[in-house]
């Protein structure tokens, strides 16, 4: 059942709630040191507060998302490179042309209720408000490992786009209007995706001629 989701910027005062969501979304054996640190949240808020987003349902923090601005050049990159290892301060470009999403986290009990969709819609709205060219993100392909012995990552993406195959994350991204641009190798330590990701793009419809 879909719920009413309110999106607002997160602040350092929200850190305890953000950490609680991460604990539930990424339980052990996920390493605790990869959860957001208080200092990282402070860096996000101080560097680009518009890119900090909190999803609230009936007063409960249900999810969050973080983004930064970059100048998109089409070059391959890793998550650590584009996100400044999650700090964003060293990579954020105030005059950038693209909003780059480095994470989305939804509390398990709220998954399938429209929380992630609301966060992506808020990001798309921000792209339009700021007059940016696009929204970008590195998309996991967690079902790829089931097919990697039969096809390349590029072939897998093509089959997910065509609807022949379904991927837990990429199929969701496609439903949000994003389109794949390129496969990124060694993007993030992710055994299910064989450490690959797909760079996906949502172009600003106001700039499409």
Protein backbone atom coordinates (compact mmCIF):
# COMPACT_ATOMS: atom_id res chain seq x y z
CA UNK A 1 0.00 0.00 0.00
CA UNK A 2 1.34 3.40 -0.98
CA UNK A 3 1.77 5.99 1.76
CA UNK A 4 1.96 9.79 1.88
CA UNK A 5 5.62 10.76 1.80
CA UNK A 6 6.97 14.15 2.78
CA UNK A 7 10.43 15.10 1.44
CA UNK A 8 12.55 17.68 3.24
CA UNK A 9 16.30 18.39 3.53
CA UNK A 10 18.03 16.44 6.27
CA UNK A 11 20.19 18.23 8.82
CA UNK A 12 22.78 17.17 11.36
CA UNK A 13 19.97 16.94 13.92
CA UNK A 14 18.57 14.04 11.88
CA UNK A 15 21.74 11.96 12.25
CA UNK A 16 20.34 9.54 14.85
CA UNK A 17 17.32 8.84 12.64
CA UNK A 18 19.46 8.44 9.54
CA UNK A 19 21.70 5.98 11.35
CA UNK A 20 18.68 3.99 12.54
CA UNK A 21 17.47 3.65 8.96
CA UNK A 22 20.92 2.48 7.84
CA UNK A 23 21.12 -0.07 10.65
CA UNK A 24 17.82 -1.58 9.50
CA UNK A 25 18.56 -1.36 5.78
CA UNK A 26 22.14 -2.71 6.02
CA UNK A 27 22.28 -5.13 8.96
CA UNK A 28 25.27 -7.34 9.76
CA UNK A 29 27.35 -8.70 8.12
CA UNK A 30 27.31 -5.29 6.36
CA UNK A 31 30.27 -3.43 7.91
CA UNK A 32 29.23 -0.68 10.32
CA UNK A 33 32.08 1.55 9.16
CA UNK A 34 30.28 1.96 5.83
CA UNK A 35 27.23 3.53 7.46
CA UNK A 36 27.12 7.33 7.25
CA UNK A 37 29.25 8.98 9.92
CA UNK A 38 28.12 12.09 11.75
CA UNK A 39 30.99 14.04 10.18
CA UNK A 40 29.93 12.94 6.69
CA UNK A 41 26.35 14.08 7.26
CA UNK A 42 27.72 17.44 8.42
CA UNK A 43 29.82 17.63 5.24
CA UNK A 44 26.75 16.90 3.06
CA UNK A 45 24.69 19.58 4.80
CA UNK A 46 27.44 22.18 4.68
CA UNK A 47 28.49 21.47 1.10
CA UNK A 48 25.17 21.08 -0.75
CA UNK A 49 22.10 21.19 1.52
CA UNK A 50 19.72 21.02 -1.46
CA UNK A 51 21.09 17.57 -2.24
CA UNK A 52 20.20 16.20 1.19
CA UNK A 53 16.75 14.62 1.21
CA UNK A 54 14.78 12.94 3.96
CA UNK A 55 11.58 10.95 3.39
CA UNK A 56 9.14 11.16 6.31
CA UNK A 57 5.95 9.12 6.70
CA UNK A 58 3.63 9.97 9.60
CA UNK A 59 6.51 11.56 11.48
CA UNK A 60 8.81 8.55 10.98
CA UNK A 61 12.02 8.77 8.96
CA UNK A 62 11.44 6.23 6.19
CA UNK A 63 14.40 6.92 3.92
CA UNK A 64 17.02 9.34 2.69
CA UNK A 65 19.01 10.30 -0.37
CA UNK A 66 22.18 12.31 -1.00
CA UNK A 67 23.37 14.05 -4.17
CA UNK A 68 26.01 16.48 -5.40
CA UNK A 69 26.62 18.57 -8.49
CA UNK A 70 29.19 17.53 -11.10
CA UNK A 71 30.23 18.44 -14.63
CA UNK A 72 29.44 15.31 -16.59
CA UNK A 73 32.22 14.34 -19.00
CA UNK A 74 31.22 10.76 -19.77
CA UNK A 75 34.42 9.29 -18.37
CA UNK A 76 34.32 6.01 -16.40
CA UNK A 77 34.47 6.46 -12.63
CA UNK A 78 33.96 4.67 -9.35
CA UNK A 79 31.58 5.51 -6.53
CA UNK A 80 34.51 6.52 -4.33
CA UNK A 81 35.82 8.89 -7.00
CA UNK A 82 32.55 10.64 -7.79
CA UNK A 83 31.40 10.87 -4.15
CA UNK A 84 34.72 11.84 -2.55
CA UNK A 85 34.49 8.56 -0.61
CA UNK A 86 31.05 9.61 0.59
CA UNK A 87 32.08 13.06 1.82
CA UNK A 88 31.12 14.92 -1.43
CA UNK A 89 32.97 18.12 -0.37
CA UNK A 90 36.01 17.44 -2.54
CA UNK A 91 34.00 16.57 -5.66
CA UNK A 92 30.98 18.88 -5.51
CA UNK A 93 31.05 21.49 -8.29
CA UNK A 94 28.66 24.39 -7.61
CA UNK A 95 28.69 25.26 -11.33
CA UNK A 96 28.10 21.65 -12.38
CA UNK A 97 25.55 20.70 -15.03
CA UNK A 98 24.35 17.43 -13.50
CA UNK A 99 22.88 16.24 -10.21
CA UNK A 100 24.59 12.97 -9.22
CA UNK A 101 22.89 10.70 -6.69
CA UNK A 102 25.34 8.82 -4.49
CA UNK A 103 22.86 6.92 -2.33
CA UNK A 104 19.25 6.07 -1.59
CA UNK A 105 18.35 4.26 1.60
CA UNK A 106 14.84 3.11 2.56
CA UNK A 107 13.82 1.48 5.83
CA UNK A 108 12.85 -2.15 5.04
CA UNK A 109 9.39 -1.80 6.58
CA UNK A 110 8.63 1.03 4.13
CA UNK A 111 9.89 -0.62 0.95
CA UNK A 112 7.35 -1.07 -1.81
CA UNK A 113 5.27 1.85 -0.52
CA UNK A 114 6.49 4.60 -2.81
CA UNK A 115 9.26 6.04 -0.62
CA UNK A 116 12.12 5.51 -3.08
CA UNK A 117 9.92 6.78 -5.91
CA UNK A 118 9.19 9.97 -3.96
CA UNK A 119 12.92 10.53 -3.39
CA UNK A 120 13.68 10.12 -7.08
CA UNK A 121 10.84 12.46 -8.03
CA UNK A 122 12.25 15.06 -5.64
CA UNK A 123 15.65 14.73 -7.29
CA UNK A 124 14.11 15.17 -10.71
CA UNK A 125 12.26 18.24 -9.47
CA UNK A 126 15.55 19.66 -8.18
CA UNK A 127 17.15 19.13 -11.60
CA UNK A 128 14.37 21.19 -13.18
CA UNK A 129 14.45 23.89 -10.48
CA UNK A 130 18.21 24.36 -10.84
CA UNK A 131 18.11 24.25 -14.65
CA UNK A 132 20.53 21.31 -14.78
CA UNK A 133 20.96 19.09 -17.80
CA UNK A 134 20.31 15.80 -16.07
CA UNK A 135 20.18 13.53 -13.03
CA UNK A 136 22.79 10.75 -12.92
CA UNK A 137 23.41 7.76 -10.69
CA UNK A 138 25.45 4.58 -10.64
CA UNK A 139 22.84 1.82 -10.63
CA UNK A 140 23.53 -1.60 -9.11
CA UNK A 141 22.60 -4.66 -11.18
CA UNK A 142 22.21 -7.24 -8.38
CA UNK A 143 20.69 -9.96 -10.56
CA UNK A 144 23.54 -9.85 -13.06
CA UNK A 145 25.49 -12.59 -11.28
CA UNK A 146 22.72 -15.04 -12.20
CA UNK A 147 23.38 -14.46 -15.91
CA UNK A 148 27.06 -13.48 -16.08
CA UNK A 149 28.11 -16.91 -17.36
CA UNK A 150 25.88 -16.44 -20.40
CA UNK A 151 26.25 -12.78 -21.34
CA UNK A 152 28.22 -9.59 -20.82
CA UNK A 153 27.01 -6.79 -18.56
CA UNK A 154 26.13 -4.73 -21.62
CA UNK A 155 24.00 -7.57 -23.02
CA UNK A 156 22.35 -8.00 -19.63
CA UNK A 157 21.43 -4.32 -19.48
CA UNK A 158 19.96 -4.48 -22.99
CA UNK A 159 17.76 -7.42 -22.01
CA UNK A 160 16.56 -5.69 -18.86
CA UNK A 161 15.71 -2.59 -20.90
CA UNK A 162 13.80 -4.70 -23.42
CA UNK A 163 11.86 -6.39 -20.61
CA UNK A 164 13.26 -9.83 -21.37
CA UNK A 165 14.94 -9.89 -17.96
CA UNK A 166 14.15 -8.18 -14.67
CA UNK A 167 16.67 -6.65 -12.28
CA UNK A 168 15.81 -5.66 -8.72
CA UNK A 169 17.38 -2.21 -9.04
CA UNK A 170 17.75 -1.41 -12.74
CA UNK A 171 14.14 -2.31 -13.54
CA UNK A 172 13.02 0.10 -10.81
CA UNK A 173 15.25 2.84 -12.22
CA UNK A 174 13.78 2.36 -15.69
CA UNK A 175 10.29 2.80 -14.23
CA UNK A 176 11.42 6.17 -12.84
CA UNK A 177 12.23 7.32 -16.35
CA UNK A 178 15.99 6.83 -16.17
CA UNK A 179 17.92 5.37 -19.09
CA UNK A 180 21.27 3.52 -19.15
CA UNK A 181 24.31 5.29 -20.57
CA UNK A 182 27.24 2.95 -19.90
CA UNK A 183 28.48 0.06 -17.78
CA UNK A 184 30.99 1.07 -15.11
CA UNK A 185 33.54 -1.53 -14.02
CA UNK A 186 34.75 -1.77 -10.41
CA UNK A 187 32.22 0.89 -9.40
CA UNK A 188 31.63 -0.43 -5.91
CA UNK A 189 32.44 -3.56 -3.96
CA UNK A 190 29.28 -5.48 -4.79
CA UNK A 191 29.47 -9.23 -5.31
CA UNK A 192 25.92 -9.57 -6.70
CA UNK A 193 26.64 -7.00 -9.42
CA UNK A 194 30.13 -8.41 -9.92
CA UNK A 195 31.36 -4.96 -8.81
CA UNK A 196 29.77 -3.32 -11.85
CA UNK A 197 27.15 -0.60 -12.10
CA UNK A 198 25.23 1.10 -14.87
CA UNK A 199 25.38 4.86 -15.19
CA UNK A 200 21.76 5.93 -15.64
CA UNK A 201 20.45 9.33 -16.69
CA UNK A 202 17.21 11.29 -16.39
CA UNK A 203 17.49 14.24 -18.81
CA UNK A 204 15.82 17.53 -17.87
CA UNK A 205 12.66 17.55 -20.04
CA UNK A 206 12.71 21.35 -20.14
CA UNK A 207 16.01 21.24 -22.06
CA UNK A 208 15.05 18.57 -24.59
CA UNK A 209 14.51 20.05 -28.03
